[in-house]
């Protein structure tokens, strides 16, 4: 993770952006999704980061990147996508520009929904947004020790560019990039 907005990252999307046979819909988040987005953040952060970085890191991250104000701002700016099953938000992706980059800040799927392709579909939707805004690449970071994230991003064409050492005994942030090559998707 980095010290910038949660790096894990006009309204875009419609309610039918990406329906699949499994009934999970990928779409742009709306205000009514706030509680579901926050729930995904709080549930996934505890499971993902407590074993890697400890409870203090989890508490800091939730207080910094998973508050109603932060999430509402991202939703209003059209920078949050959700995976919805029936009426439940089961996955979240946030993205946006930083300097000249297009950054994937968050990509989280509830543990009970892992292995169903939801994270891949969210990532594909983020790639579409990057291409629509004519960005040639997507950057992201994950915490060293998050092997599930490392495998997922490598499998989806990301390559490590550098690492940041946050100090205080926390794991390094591993930064990655995926070149979009004029529209090539995963």
N, C-alpha and C. Protein backbone atom coordinates (compact mmCIF):
# COMPACT_ATOMS: atom_id res chain seq x y z
N UNK A 1 0.83 -1.18 0.00
CA UNK A 1 0.00 0.00 0.00
C UNK A 1 0.88 1.24 0.00
N UNK A 2 0.32 2.33 -0.41
CA UNK A 2 1.11 3.55 -0.44
C UNK A 2 0.43 4.60 0.43
N UNK A 3 1.01 5.77 0.46
CA UNK A 3 0.44 6.84 1.27
C UNK A 3 -0.58 7.65 0.49
N UNK A 4 -0.83 7.28 -0.75
CA UNK A 4 -1.82 7.96 -1.58
C UNK A 4 -3.19 7.33 -1.32
N UNK A 5 -4.26 7.81 -1.96
CA UNK A 5 -5.58 7.21 -1.73
C UNK A 5 -5.51 5.70 -1.85
N UNK A 6 -6.44 5.00 -1.22
CA UNK A 6 -6.35 3.55 -1.08
C UNK A 6 -5.87 2.90 -2.37
N UNK A 7 -4.65 2.36 -2.34
CA UNK A 7 -4.04 1.80 -3.53
C UNK A 7 -4.39 0.35 -3.77
N UNK A 8 -5.13 -0.17 -3.23
CA UNK A 8 -5.36 -1.61 -3.38
C UNK A 8 -6.12 -1.94 -4.63
N UNK A 9 -7.53 2.87 -4.90
CA UNK A 9 -7.77 3.20 -5.89
C UNK A 9 -8.21 3.51 -6.13
N UNK A 10 -18.56 12.68 -14.08
CA UNK A 10 -19.79 12.12 -14.68
C UNK A 10 -19.84 10.66 -14.30
N UNK A 11 -20.85 10.00 -13.86
CA UNK A 11 -20.95 8.61 -13.43
C UNK A 11 -20.77 7.69 -14.62
N UNK A 12 -19.95 6.66 -14.43
CA UNK A 12 -19.73 5.68 -15.48
C UNK A 12 -20.55 4.45 -15.16
N UNK A 13 -20.99 3.78 -16.18
CA UNK A 13 -21.65 2.50 -15.99
C UNK A 13 -23.15 2.63 -15.81
N UNK A 14 -23.79 1.52 -16.08
CA UNK A 14 -25.23 1.43 -15.92
C UNK A 14 -25.53 0.17 -15.15
N UNK A 15 -26.77 0.00 -14.81
CA UNK A 15 -27.16 -1.17 -14.01
C UNK A 15 -26.95 -2.47 -14.76
N UNK A 16 -26.74 -2.43 -16.06
CA UNK A 16 -26.58 -3.66 -16.81
C UNK A 16 -25.23 -3.75 -17.50
N UNK A 17 -24.21 -3.11 -16.93
CA UNK A 17 -22.87 -3.14 -17.53
C UNK A 17 -22.39 -4.54 -17.84
N UNK A 18 -22.53 -5.46 -16.90
CA UNK A 18 -21.89 -6.76 -17.09
C UNK A 18 -22.60 -7.88 -16.38
N UNK A 19 -23.81 -8.21 -16.78
CA UNK A 19 -24.52 -9.33 -16.18
C UNK A 19 -23.93 -10.63 -16.71
N UNK A 20 -23.84 -11.63 -15.85
CA UNK A 20 -23.32 -12.93 -16.25
C UNK A 20 -24.34 -14.00 -15.90
N UNK A 21 -24.08 -15.19 -16.39
CA UNK A 21 -24.98 -16.31 -16.14
C UNK A 21 -25.14 -16.60 -14.65
N UNK A 22 -24.13 -16.23 -13.84
CA UNK A 22 -24.19 -16.50 -12.40
C UNK A 22 -25.08 -15.50 -11.66
N UNK A 23 -25.63 -14.54 -12.38
CA UNK A 23 -26.51 -13.55 -11.75
C UNK A 23 -25.78 -12.37 -11.14
N UNK A 24 -24.45 -12.35 -11.20
CA UNK A 24 -23.68 -11.23 -10.66
C UNK A 24 -23.59 -10.16 -11.74
N UNK A 25 -23.94 -8.94 -11.36
CA UNK A 25 -23.91 -7.81 -12.28
C UNK A 25 -22.76 -6.89 -11.89
N UNK A 26 -21.98 -6.47 -12.87
CA UNK A 26 -20.92 -5.48 -12.67
C UNK A 26 -21.47 -4.16 -13.21
N UNK A 27 -21.46 -3.13 -12.35
CA UNK A 27 -22.00 -1.84 -12.78
C UNK A 27 -21.36 -0.72 -11.98
N UNK A 28 -21.57 0.49 -12.46
CA UNK A 28 -21.13 1.65 -11.71
C UNK A 28 -21.91 1.75 -10.41
N UNK A 29 -21.22 2.08 -9.34
CA UNK A 29 -21.88 2.21 -8.03
C UNK A 29 -22.76 3.46 -8.01
N UNK A 30 -23.82 3.38 -7.23
CA UNK A 30 -24.72 4.51 -6.99
C UNK A 30 -24.80 4.72 -5.48
N UNK A 31 -25.40 5.82 -5.08
CA UNK A 31 -25.48 6.15 -3.66
C UNK A 31 -26.04 5.06 -2.80
N UNK A 32 -27.03 4.32 -3.31
CA UNK A 32 -27.64 3.24 -2.52
C UNK A 32 -26.67 2.09 -2.25
N UNK A 33 -25.53 2.06 -2.94
CA UNK A 33 -24.54 1.00 -2.74
C UNK A 33 -23.57 1.30 -1.60
N UNK A 34 -23.64 2.48 -1.02
CA UNK A 34 -22.66 2.89 -0.01
C UNK A 34 -22.49 1.86 1.09
N UNK A 35 -23.56 1.42 1.69
CA UNK A 35 -23.47 0.46 2.80
C UNK A 35 -22.82 -0.84 2.35
N UNK A 36 -23.18 -1.32 1.17
CA UNK A 36 -22.60 -2.55 0.64
C UNK A 36 -21.13 -2.42 0.34
N UNK A 37 -20.73 -1.28 -0.23
CA UNK A 37 -19.31 -1.05 -0.52
C UNK A 37 -18.51 -1.02 0.77
N UNK A 38 -19.01 -0.29 1.76
CA UNK A 38 -18.32 -0.23 3.05
C UNK A 38 -18.22 -1.62 3.68
N UNK A 39 -19.27 -2.42 3.57
CA UNK A 39 -19.27 -3.76 4.12
C UNK A 39 -18.19 -4.62 3.47
N UNK A 40 -18.08 -4.54 2.14
CA UNK A 40 -17.03 -5.30 1.44
C UNK A 40 -15.66 -4.87 1.95
N UNK A 41 -15.44 -3.57 2.05
CA UNK A 41 -14.16 -3.07 2.52
C UNK A 41 -13.81 -3.56 3.90
N UNK A 42 -14.74 -3.44 4.81
CA UNK A 42 -14.47 -3.82 6.20
C UNK A 42 -14.27 -5.32 6.33
N UNK A 43 -15.03 -6.11 5.59
CA UNK A 43 -14.91 -7.56 5.70
C UNK A 43 -13.64 -8.08 5.02
N UNK A 44 -13.28 -7.51 3.88
CA UNK A 44 -12.10 -8.01 3.19
C UNK A 44 -10.81 -7.52 3.81
N UNK A 45 -10.79 -6.28 4.30
CA UNK A 45 -9.55 -5.75 4.89
C UNK A 45 -9.12 -6.55 6.10
N UNK A 46 -10.05 -6.89 6.95
CA UNK A 46 -9.71 -7.67 8.13
C UNK A 46 -9.11 -9.02 7.72
N UNK A 47 -9.79 -9.72 6.81
CA UNK A 47 -9.32 -11.04 6.39
C UNK A 47 -8.01 -10.98 5.62
N UNK A 48 -7.82 -9.94 4.83
CA UNK A 48 -6.64 -9.84 3.96
C UNK A 48 -5.42 -9.31 4.70
N UNK A 49 -5.58 -8.23 5.44
CA UNK A 49 -4.41 -7.51 5.94
C UNK A 49 -4.02 -7.78 7.38
N UNK A 50 -4.93 -8.27 8.20
CA UNK A 50 -4.53 -8.53 9.57
C UNK A 50 -3.39 -9.57 9.64
N UNK A 51 -3.46 -10.67 8.88
CA UNK A 51 -2.34 -11.63 8.94
C UNK A 51 -1.02 -11.08 8.37
N UNK A 52 -1.11 -10.13 7.44
CA UNK A 52 0.08 -9.60 6.77
C UNK A 52 0.69 -8.43 7.54
N UNK A 53 -0.16 -7.50 8.00
CA UNK A 53 0.35 -6.25 8.57
C UNK A 53 -0.15 -5.95 9.98
N UNK A 54 -1.06 -6.75 10.49
CA UNK A 54 -1.52 -6.58 11.86
C UNK A 54 -2.77 -5.72 12.01
N UNK A 55 -3.38 -5.77 13.19
CA UNK A 55 -4.64 -5.07 13.43
C UNK A 55 -4.53 -3.55 13.37
N UNK A 56 -3.37 -3.01 13.74
CA UNK A 56 -3.22 -1.54 13.70
C UNK A 56 -3.27 -1.04 12.26
N UNK A 57 -2.64 -1.77 11.34
CA UNK A 57 -2.67 -1.40 9.93
C UNK A 57 -4.11 -1.46 9.39
N UNK A 58 -4.82 -2.52 9.76
CA UNK A 58 -6.22 -2.66 9.32
C UNK A 58 -7.04 -1.48 9.83
N UNK A 59 -6.90 -1.15 11.09
CA UNK A 59 -7.65 -0.03 11.67
C UNK A 59 -7.31 1.28 10.95
N UNK A 60 -6.02 1.51 10.68
CA UNK A 60 -5.60 2.72 9.98
C UNK A 60 -6.21 2.77 8.58
N UNK A 61 -6.12 1.68 7.84
CA UNK A 61 -6.63 1.64 6.48
C UNK A 61 -8.13 1.84 6.40
N UNK A 62 -8.85 1.21 7.31
CA UNK A 62 -10.31 1.38 7.33
C UNK A 62 -10.68 2.82 7.64
N UNK A 63 -9.95 3.43 8.57
CA UNK A 63 -10.24 4.83 8.95
C UNK A 63 -9.85 5.81 7.86
N UNK A 64 -8.87 5.43 7.03
CA UNK A 64 -8.38 6.35 6.00
C UNK A 64 -9.10 6.17 4.65
N UNK A 65 -9.36 4.93 4.25
CA UNK A 65 -9.85 4.66 2.90
C UNK A 65 -11.25 4.06 2.81
N UNK A 66 -11.84 3.69 3.94
CA UNK A 66 -13.14 3.02 3.90
C UNK A 66 -14.16 3.74 4.77
N UNK A 67 -14.17 5.05 4.73
CA UNK A 67 -15.18 5.82 5.46
C UNK A 67 -16.31 6.20 4.51
N UNK A 68 -17.44 6.59 5.07
CA UNK A 68 -18.57 7.03 4.24
C UNK A 68 -18.18 8.19 3.35
N UNK A 69 -17.42 9.16 3.89
CA UNK A 69 -17.03 10.33 3.10
C UNK A 69 -16.15 9.95 1.91
N UNK A 70 -15.15 9.11 2.13
CA UNK A 70 -14.23 8.72 1.06
C UNK A 70 -14.97 7.91 -0.01
N UNK A 71 -15.76 6.95 0.42
CA UNK A 71 -16.47 6.09 -0.53
C UNK A 71 -17.54 6.89 -1.28
N UNK A 72 -18.26 7.76 -0.59
CA UNK A 72 -19.27 8.59 -1.26
C UNK A 72 -18.63 9.46 -2.33
N UNK A 73 -17.49 10.05 -2.03
CA UNK A 73 -16.79 10.88 -3.00
C UNK A 73 -16.42 10.07 -4.25
N UNK A 74 -15.90 8.88 -4.06
CA UNK A 74 -15.53 8.02 -5.19
C UNK A 74 -16.75 7.62 -6.01
N UNK A 75 -17.84 7.31 -5.35
CA UNK A 75 -19.08 6.96 -6.06
C UNK A 75 -19.57 8.17 -6.87
N UNK A 76 -19.60 9.33 -6.25
CA UNK A 76 -20.08 10.54 -6.94
C UNK A 76 -19.23 10.89 -8.15
N UNK A 77 -17.93 10.60 -8.08
CA UNK A 77 -17.03 10.90 -9.20
C UNK A 77 -17.08 9.81 -10.29
N UNK A 78 -17.89 8.78 -10.09
CA UNK A 78 -17.98 7.71 -11.07
C UNK A 78 -16.76 6.81 -11.10
N UNK A 79 -16.08 6.69 -9.97
CA UNK A 79 -14.83 5.93 -9.91
C UNK A 79 -14.95 4.65 -9.10
N UNK A 80 -16.17 4.19 -8.88
CA UNK A 80 -16.39 2.96 -8.13
C UNK A 80 -17.29 2.04 -8.93
N UNK A 81 -16.86 0.80 -9.07
CA UNK A 81 -17.67 -0.25 -9.69
C UNK A 81 -18.03 -1.25 -8.61
N UNK A 82 -19.18 -1.87 -8.77
CA UNK A 82 -19.60 -2.90 -7.83
C UNK A 82 -20.00 -4.16 -8.58
N UNK A 83 -19.81 -5.28 -7.90
CA UNK A 83 -20.33 -6.57 -8.34
C UNK A 83 -21.51 -6.85 -7.41
N UNK A 84 -22.68 -7.02 -7.99
CA UNK A 84 -23.90 -7.17 -7.20
C UNK A 84 -24.56 -8.51 -7.52
N UNK A 85 -24.86 -9.25 -6.46
CA UNK A 85 -25.60 -10.51 -6.58
C UNK A 85 -26.91 -10.31 -5.84
N UNK A 86 -28.01 -10.42 -6.57
CA UNK A 86 -29.32 -10.05 -6.05
C UNK A 86 -29.23 -8.61 -5.58
N UNK A 87 -29.39 -8.32 -4.31
CA UNK A 87 -29.28 -6.94 -3.83
C UNK A 87 -28.00 -6.71 -3.03
N UNK A 88 -27.10 -7.68 -3.02
CA UNK A 88 -25.91 -7.59 -2.19
C UNK A 88 -24.67 -7.24 -3.00
N UNK A 89 -23.90 -6.26 -2.50
CA UNK A 89 -22.61 -5.93 -3.10
C UNK A 89 -21.62 -6.99 -2.62
N UNK A 90 -21.02 -7.72 -3.57
CA UNK A 90 -20.09 -8.79 -3.23
C UNK A 90 -18.66 -8.49 -3.69
N UNK A 91 -18.49 -7.39 -4.43
CA UNK A 91 -17.17 -6.99 -4.89
C UNK A 91 -17.14 -5.52 -5.22
N UNK A 92 -15.94 -4.94 -5.16
CA UNK A 92 -15.76 -3.50 -5.37
C UNK A 92 -14.44 -3.25 -6.11
N UNK A 93 -14.47 -2.29 -7.01
CA UNK A 93 -13.24 -1.79 -7.62
C UNK A 93 -13.33 -0.28 -7.68
N UNK A 94 -12.25 0.41 -7.31
CA UNK A 94 -12.20 1.86 -7.49
C UNK A 94 -10.95 2.19 -8.28
N UNK A 95 -11.04 3.27 -9.01
CA UNK A 95 -9.98 3.64 -9.94
C UNK A 95 -10.02 5.13 -10.16
N UNK A 96 -8.98 5.64 -10.77
CA UNK A 96 -8.98 7.04 -11.12
C UNK A 96 -7.61 7.54 -11.50
N UNK A 97 -7.56 8.75 -11.99
CA UNK A 97 -6.29 9.31 -12.41
C UNK A 97 -5.48 9.80 -11.21
N UNK A 98 -4.17 9.69 -11.35
CA UNK A 98 -3.24 10.32 -10.42
C UNK A 98 -2.04 10.74 -11.27
N UNK A 99 -1.78 12.05 -11.29
CA UNK A 99 -0.76 12.58 -12.19
C UNK A 99 -1.13 12.13 -13.61
N UNK A 100 -0.24 11.44 -14.31
CA UNK A 100 -0.53 10.98 -15.66
C UNK A 100 -0.98 9.52 -15.69
N UNK A 101 -1.14 8.92 -14.54
CA UNK A 101 -1.44 7.49 -14.47
C UNK A 101 -2.93 7.24 -14.28
N UNK A 102 -3.35 6.05 -14.65
CA UNK A 102 -4.69 5.54 -14.34
C UNK A 102 -4.46 4.45 -13.31
N UNK A 103 -4.96 4.65 -12.10
CA UNK A 103 -4.63 3.77 -10.98
C UNK A 103 -5.85 2.96 -10.54
N UNK A 104 -5.63 1.68 -10.35
CA UNK A 104 -6.61 0.81 -9.71
C UNK A 104 -6.33 0.89 -8.22
N UNK A 105 -7.20 1.58 -7.48
CA UNK A 105 -6.96 1.80 -6.05
C UNK A 105 -7.45 0.64 -5.20
N UNK A 106 -8.59 0.07 -5.56
CA UNK A 106 -9.18 -1.00 -4.76
C UNK A 106 -9.74 -2.06 -5.69
N UNK A 107 -9.55 -3.31 -5.33
CA UNK A 107 -10.21 -4.42 -5.99
C UNK A 107 -10.39 -5.50 -4.93
N UNK A 108 -11.60 -5.64 -4.45
CA UNK A 108 -11.89 -6.58 -3.37
C UNK A 108 -13.17 -7.34 -3.66
N UNK A 109 -13.14 -8.64 -3.40
CA UNK A 109 -14.30 -9.51 -3.53
C UNK A 109 -14.44 -10.25 -2.22
N UNK A 110 -15.67 -10.35 -1.73
CA UNK A 110 -15.89 -11.07 -0.47
C UNK A 110 -15.32 -12.48 -0.56
N UNK A 111 -14.68 -12.95 0.51
CA UNK A 111 -14.04 -14.26 0.49
C UNK A 111 -14.95 -15.40 0.01
N UNK A 112 -16.21 -15.38 0.37
CA UNK A 112 -17.13 -16.44 -0.06
C UNK A 112 -17.43 -16.44 -1.55
N UNK A 113 -16.97 -15.40 -2.25
CA UNK A 113 -17.20 -15.29 -3.69
C UNK A 113 -15.91 -15.39 -4.50
N UNK A 114 -14.79 -15.72 -3.85
CA UNK A 114 -13.53 -15.90 -4.57
C UNK A 114 -13.63 -17.10 -5.50
N UNK A 115 -12.87 -17.06 -6.58
CA UNK A 115 -12.81 -18.19 -7.50
C UNK A 115 -13.97 -18.28 -8.46
N UNK A 116 -14.81 -17.25 -8.50
CA UNK A 116 -15.98 -17.26 -9.39
C UNK A 116 -15.83 -16.31 -10.57
N UNK A 117 -14.65 -15.69 -10.70
CA UNK A 117 -14.42 -14.79 -11.83
C UNK A 117 -14.90 -13.36 -11.60
N UNK A 118 -15.37 -13.05 -10.40
CA UNK A 118 -15.89 -11.71 -10.13
C UNK A 118 -14.78 -10.67 -10.15
N UNK A 119 -13.64 -10.97 -9.55
CA UNK A 119 -12.52 -10.04 -9.57
C UNK A 119 -12.04 -9.79 -10.99
N UNK A 120 -12.00 -10.82 -11.81
CA UNK A 120 -11.60 -10.66 -13.20
C UNK A 120 -12.58 -9.78 -13.96
N UNK A 121 -13.85 -9.95 -13.70
CA UNK A 121 -14.86 -9.13 -14.37
C UNK A 121 -14.78 -7.68 -13.92
N UNK A 122 -14.53 -7.46 -12.63
CA UNK A 122 -14.34 -6.08 -12.16
C UNK A 122 -13.12 -5.46 -12.81
N UNK A 123 -12.02 -6.22 -12.87
CA UNK A 123 -10.81 -5.71 -13.50
C UNK A 123 -11.06 -5.39 -14.98
N UNK A 124 -11.77 -6.27 -15.69
CA UNK A 124 -12.08 -6.01 -17.10
C UNK A 124 -12.86 -4.70 -17.25
N UNK A 125 -13.78 -4.44 -16.34
CA UNK A 125 -14.56 -3.20 -16.40
C UNK A 125 -13.68 -1.98 -16.14
N UNK A 126 -12.69 -2.12 -15.25
CA UNK A 126 -11.75 -1.03 -15.01
C UNK A 126 -10.90 -0.79 -16.26
N UNK A 127 -10.46 -1.86 -16.90
CA UNK A 127 -9.69 -1.73 -18.15
C UNK A 127 -10.52 -0.96 -19.18
N UNK A 128 -11.80 -1.29 -19.29
CA UNK A 128 -12.67 -0.56 -20.23
C UNK A 128 -12.69 0.93 -19.91
N UNK A 129 -12.77 1.29 -18.64
CA UNK A 129 -12.78 2.70 -18.24
C UNK A 129 -11.46 3.38 -18.60
N UNK A 130 -10.35 2.66 -18.39
CA UNK A 130 -9.04 3.22 -18.73
C UNK A 130 -8.95 3.47 -20.23
N UNK A 131 -9.42 2.52 -21.02
CA UNK A 131 -9.37 2.68 -22.47
C UNK A 131 -10.28 3.82 -22.93
N UNK A 132 -11.48 3.92 -22.31
CA UNK A 132 -12.39 5.01 -22.65
C UNK A 132 -11.77 6.37 -22.38
N UNK A 133 -10.95 6.45 -21.35
CA UNK A 133 -10.31 7.72 -21.02
C UNK A 133 -8.92 7.84 -21.66
N UNK A 134 -8.63 6.92 -22.59
CA UNK A 134 -7.42 6.95 -23.41
C UNK A 134 -6.12 6.86 -22.62
N UNK A 135 -6.15 6.09 -21.53
CA UNK A 135 -4.93 5.82 -20.77
C UNK A 135 -4.27 4.57 -21.35
N UNK A 136 -2.97 4.60 -21.57
CA UNK A 136 -2.29 3.45 -22.17
C UNK A 136 -1.91 2.35 -21.18
N UNK A 137 -2.09 2.61 -19.88
CA UNK A 137 -1.70 1.61 -18.89
C UNK A 137 -2.48 1.82 -17.59
N UNK A 138 -2.48 0.77 -16.79
CA UNK A 138 -3.07 0.82 -15.45
C UNK A 138 -1.97 0.48 -14.46
N UNK A 139 -1.90 1.24 -13.36
CA UNK A 139 -0.96 0.92 -12.30
C UNK A 139 -1.74 0.56 -11.03
N UNK A 140 -1.09 -0.16 -10.14
CA UNK A 140 -1.70 -0.56 -8.87
C UNK A 140 -0.60 -0.96 -7.91
N UNK A 141 -0.98 -1.15 -6.66
CA UNK A 141 -0.05 -1.73 -5.70
C UNK A 141 -0.78 -2.69 -4.79
N UNK A 142 -0.01 -3.61 -4.23
CA UNK A 142 -0.53 -4.52 -3.21
C UNK A 142 0.57 -4.69 -2.17
N UNK A 143 0.19 -5.16 -0.99
CA UNK A 143 1.17 -5.37 0.08
C UNK A 143 1.91 -6.69 -0.13
N UNK A 144 3.24 -6.62 0.00
CA UNK A 144 4.05 -7.84 -0.02
C UNK A 144 3.47 -8.80 1.02
N UNK A 145 3.36 -10.04 0.63
CA UNK A 145 2.75 -11.04 1.51
C UNK A 145 1.34 -11.39 1.09
N UNK A 146 0.72 -10.56 0.26
CA UNK A 146 -0.62 -10.85 -0.26
C UNK A 146 -0.44 -11.68 -1.54
N UNK A 147 -0.15 -12.94 -1.35
CA UNK A 147 0.15 -13.81 -2.49
C UNK A 147 -1.04 -14.00 -3.41
N UNK A 148 -2.24 -13.95 -2.87
CA UNK A 148 -3.43 -14.08 -3.72
C UNK A 148 -3.48 -12.92 -4.71
N UNK A 149 -3.23 -11.70 -4.24
CA UNK A 149 -3.22 -10.53 -5.12
C UNK A 149 -2.08 -10.66 -6.13
N UNK A 150 -0.89 -11.06 -5.69
CA UNK A 150 0.25 -11.18 -6.58
C UNK A 150 -0.07 -12.13 -7.74
N UNK A 151 -0.61 -13.30 -7.42
CA UNK A 151 -0.94 -14.27 -8.47
C UNK A 151 -2.02 -13.73 -9.41
N UNK A 152 -3.04 -13.10 -8.84
CA UNK A 152 -4.15 -12.56 -9.64
C UNK A 152 -3.64 -11.53 -10.64
N UNK A 153 -2.85 -10.57 -10.17
CA UNK A 153 -2.41 -9.51 -11.07
C UNK A 153 -1.43 -10.00 -12.12
N UNK A 154 -0.53 -10.91 -11.78
CA UNK A 154 0.38 -11.47 -12.79
C UNK A 154 -0.44 -12.21 -13.84
N UNK A 155 -1.41 -12.99 -13.40
CA UNK A 155 -2.27 -13.73 -14.33
C UNK A 155 -3.03 -12.79 -15.27
N UNK A 156 -3.26 -11.56 -14.83
CA UNK A 156 -3.99 -10.59 -15.65
C UNK A 156 -3.07 -9.59 -16.36
N UNK A 157 -1.81 -9.95 -16.50
CA UNK A 157 -0.91 -9.18 -17.35
C UNK A 157 -0.17 -8.03 -16.70
N UNK A 158 -0.18 -7.94 -15.39
CA UNK A 158 0.56 -6.89 -14.68
C UNK A 158 1.99 -7.35 -14.41
N UNK A 159 2.91 -6.40 -14.44
CA UNK A 159 4.31 -6.68 -14.14
C UNK A 159 4.81 -5.70 -13.08
N UNK A 160 5.63 -6.20 -12.17
CA UNK A 160 6.17 -5.35 -11.11
C UNK A 160 7.07 -4.27 -11.68
N UNK A 161 6.90 -3.04 -11.16
CA UNK A 161 7.74 -1.93 -11.58
C UNK A 161 8.70 -1.47 -10.48
N UNK A 162 8.22 -1.45 -9.24
CA UNK A 162 9.07 -1.04 -8.13
C UNK A 162 8.38 -1.36 -6.81
N UNK A 163 9.12 -1.14 -5.72
CA UNK A 163 8.59 -1.36 -4.38
C UNK A 163 8.83 -0.12 -3.54
N UNK A 164 7.92 0.08 -2.59
CA UNK A 164 8.07 1.18 -1.63
C UNK A 164 8.14 0.57 -0.24
N UNK A 165 9.06 1.07 0.55
CA UNK A 165 9.20 0.63 1.94
C UNK A 165 8.54 1.67 2.83
N UNK A 166 7.44 1.30 3.49
CA UNK A 166 6.74 2.28 4.31
C UNK A 166 7.39 2.53 5.67
N UNK A 167 8.27 1.65 6.08
CA UNK A 167 8.86 1.78 7.40
C UNK A 167 7.94 1.24 8.47
N UNK A 168 8.26 1.47 9.71
CA UNK A 168 7.46 1.04 10.85
C UNK A 168 7.19 -0.46 10.86
N UNK A 169 8.05 -1.24 10.20
CA UNK A 169 7.88 -2.68 10.21
C UNK A 169 6.78 -3.20 9.32
N UNK A 170 6.17 -2.33 8.51
CA UNK A 170 5.10 -2.77 7.61
C UNK A 170 5.70 -3.40 6.35
N UNK A 171 4.94 -4.30 5.72
CA UNK A 171 5.42 -4.89 4.47
C UNK A 171 5.55 -3.83 3.36
N UNK A 172 6.37 -4.15 2.38
CA UNK A 172 6.54 -3.25 1.24
C UNK A 172 5.28 -3.20 0.39
N UNK A 173 5.10 -2.07 -0.31
CA UNK A 173 4.08 -1.96 -1.35
C UNK A 173 4.74 -2.38 -2.65
N UNK A 174 4.13 -3.32 -3.34
CA UNK A 174 4.63 -3.79 -4.63
C UNK A 174 3.79 -3.10 -5.70
N UNK A 175 4.45 -2.26 -6.52
CA UNK A 175 3.76 -1.53 -7.58
C UNK A 175 3.88 -2.30 -8.89
N UNK A 176 2.78 -2.32 -9.64
CA UNK A 176 2.71 -3.06 -10.90
C UNK A 176 2.08 -2.18 -11.97
N UNK A 177 2.31 -2.56 -13.22
CA UNK A 177 1.71 -1.86 -14.34
C UNK A 177 1.24 -2.89 -15.37
N UNK A 178 0.18 -2.53 -16.07
CA UNK A 178 -0.28 -3.32 -17.20
C UNK A 178 -0.45 -2.37 -18.38
N UNK A 179 0.31 -2.63 -19.41
CA UNK A 179 0.18 -1.86 -20.65
C UNK A 179 -1.09 -2.34 -21.35
N UNK A 180 -1.86 -1.40 -21.87
CA UNK A 180 -3.14 -1.78 -22.48
C UNK A 180 -3.03 -1.99 -23.99
N UNK A 181 -1.93 -1.62 -24.60
CA UNK A 181 -1.66 -1.95 -26.01
C UNK A 181 -2.82 -1.65 -26.94
N UNK A 182 -3.35 -0.46 -26.81
CA UNK A 182 -4.38 -0.02 -27.74
C UNK A 182 -5.65 -0.82 -27.69
N UNK A 183 -5.96 -1.40 -26.53
CA UNK A 183 -7.25 -2.04 -26.40
C UNK A 183 -7.20 -3.51 -26.05
N UNK A 184 -6.01 -4.10 -25.94
CA UNK A 184 -5.95 -5.50 -25.56
C UNK A 184 -6.46 -5.66 -24.14
N UNK A 185 -7.34 -6.60 -23.94
CA UNK A 185 -7.92 -6.84 -22.62
C UNK A 185 -7.51 -8.22 -22.15
N UNK A 186 -7.83 -8.53 -20.88
CA UNK A 186 -7.39 -9.81 -20.31
C UNK A 186 -8.10 -10.99 -20.89
